Amino acid sequence: MAATTIKLHEDTKTQLDRFREYGNESYDEVIKKIIYIVNVSKNKPEFSQETIQAIEKARDRIKKGKFLTEEQAKKRLGL
């Protein structure tokens, strides 16, 4: 994977940090989530509000520690 460096204003970085769902989530992951949300909003506006609400609920669950680790999910799925 090729990588690049981009320059951000401090306030932009702060705003991106607010979208992080976990501490070591990369900016690449955060930006991809934002792009996904924008594309859904453009292509299926009827789903945009539903998507935003689902993401907010998921973020709340993660902050409260109510989630499965990858290992727990694999075990539950028998993988």
Protein backbone atom coordinates (compact mmCIF):
# COMPACT_ATOMS: atom_id res chain seq x y z
CA MET A 1 0.00 0.00 0.00
CA ALA A 2 1.37 3.38 -0.95
CA ALA A 3 1.15 6.05 1.72
CA THR A 4 1.09 9.80 1.49
CA THR A 5 1.29 12.71 3.87
CA ILE A 6 -1.36 15.40 3.99
CA LYS A 7 -1.34 18.72 5.80
CA LEU A 8 -4.27 19.42 8.12
CA HIS A 9 -5.16 22.42 10.19
CA GLU A 10 -5.20 21.64 13.90
CA ASP A 11 -8.97 22.14 14.10
CA THR A 12 -9.48 19.65 11.25
CA LYS A 13 -7.37 17.07 13.07
CA THR A 14 -9.36 17.69 16.26
CA GLN A 15 -12.61 17.12 14.37
CA LEU A 16 -11.27 13.91 12.82
CA ASP A 17 -10.27 12.71 16.28
CA ARG A 18 -13.91 13.00 17.38
CA PHE A 19 -14.88 10.42 14.74
CA ARG A 20 -12.47 7.84 16.10
CA GLU A 21 -14.27 4.88 17.61
CA TYR A 22 -11.21 3.47 19.34
CA GLY A 23 -7.87 4.91 20.34
CA ASN A 24 -5.63 3.40 17.69
CA GLU A 25 -8.04 3.79 14.79
CA SER A 26 -6.08 5.25 11.89
CA TYR A 27 -6.97 8.47 10.14
CA ASP A 28 -7.29 6.42 6.96
CA GLU A 29 -10.07 4.39 8.60
CA VAL A 30 -11.79 7.53 9.90
CA ILE A 31 -11.67 9.22 6.50
CA LYS A 32 -13.01 6.09 4.78
CA LYS A 33 -15.98 6.08 7.18
CA ILE A 34 -16.67 9.72 6.41
CA ILE A 35 -16.47 9.07 2.66
CA TYR A 36 -18.89 6.15 3.06
CA ILE A 37 -21.37 8.35 4.91
CA VAL A 38 -21.15 11.07 2.26
CA ASN A 39 -21.67 8.56 -0.56
CA VAL A 40 -24.70 7.01 1.16
CA SER A 41 -26.13 10.48 1.74
CA LYS A 42 -25.74 11.37 -1.93
CA ASN A 43 -26.87 8.10 -3.46
CA LYS A 44 -29.58 7.06 -1.02
CA PRO A 45 -30.75 10.12 0.91
CA GLU A 46 -33.55 8.09 2.50
CA PHE A 47 -30.89 5.99 4.26
CA SER A 48 -28.62 8.83 5.32
CA GLN A 49 -30.38 9.68 8.59
CA GLU A 50 -30.78 6.00 9.44
CA THR A 51 -27.08 5.41 8.77
CA ILE A 52 -26.00 8.34 10.91
CA GLN A 53 -28.18 7.15 13.79
CA ALA A 54 -26.82 3.60 13.50
CA ILE A 55 -23.24 4.90 13.56
CA GLU A 56 -23.94 7.06 16.61
CA LYS A 57 -25.49 4.11 18.46
CA ALA A 58 -22.50 1.93 17.57
CA ARG A 59 -20.08 4.61 18.75
CA ASP A 60 -21.94 4.84 22.07
CA ARG A 61 -21.79 1.06 22.53
CA ILE A 62 -18.07 1.05 21.81
CA LYS A 63 -17.42 3.89 24.26
CA LYS A 64 -19.33 1.95 26.92
CA GLY A 65 -17.27 -1.15 26.19
CA LYS A 66 -20.25 -3.09 24.86
CA PHE A 67 -18.71 -4.84 21.89
CA LEU A 68 -17.09 -8.10 20.91
CA THR A 69 -13.41 -8.35 20.18
CA GLU A 70 -12.43 -9.97 16.90
CA GLU A 71 -11.44 -13.08 18.82
CA GLN A 72 -14.80 -13.24 20.64
CA ALA A 73 -16.69 -12.78 17.35
CA LYS A 74 -14.71 -15.59 15.70
CA LYS A 75 -15.43 -17.88 18.63
CA ARG A 76 -19.13 -17.05 18.56
CA LEU A 77 -19.25 -17.71 14.80
CA GLY A 78 -17.24 -20.92 15.12
CA LEU A 79 -14.36 -19.65 13.01
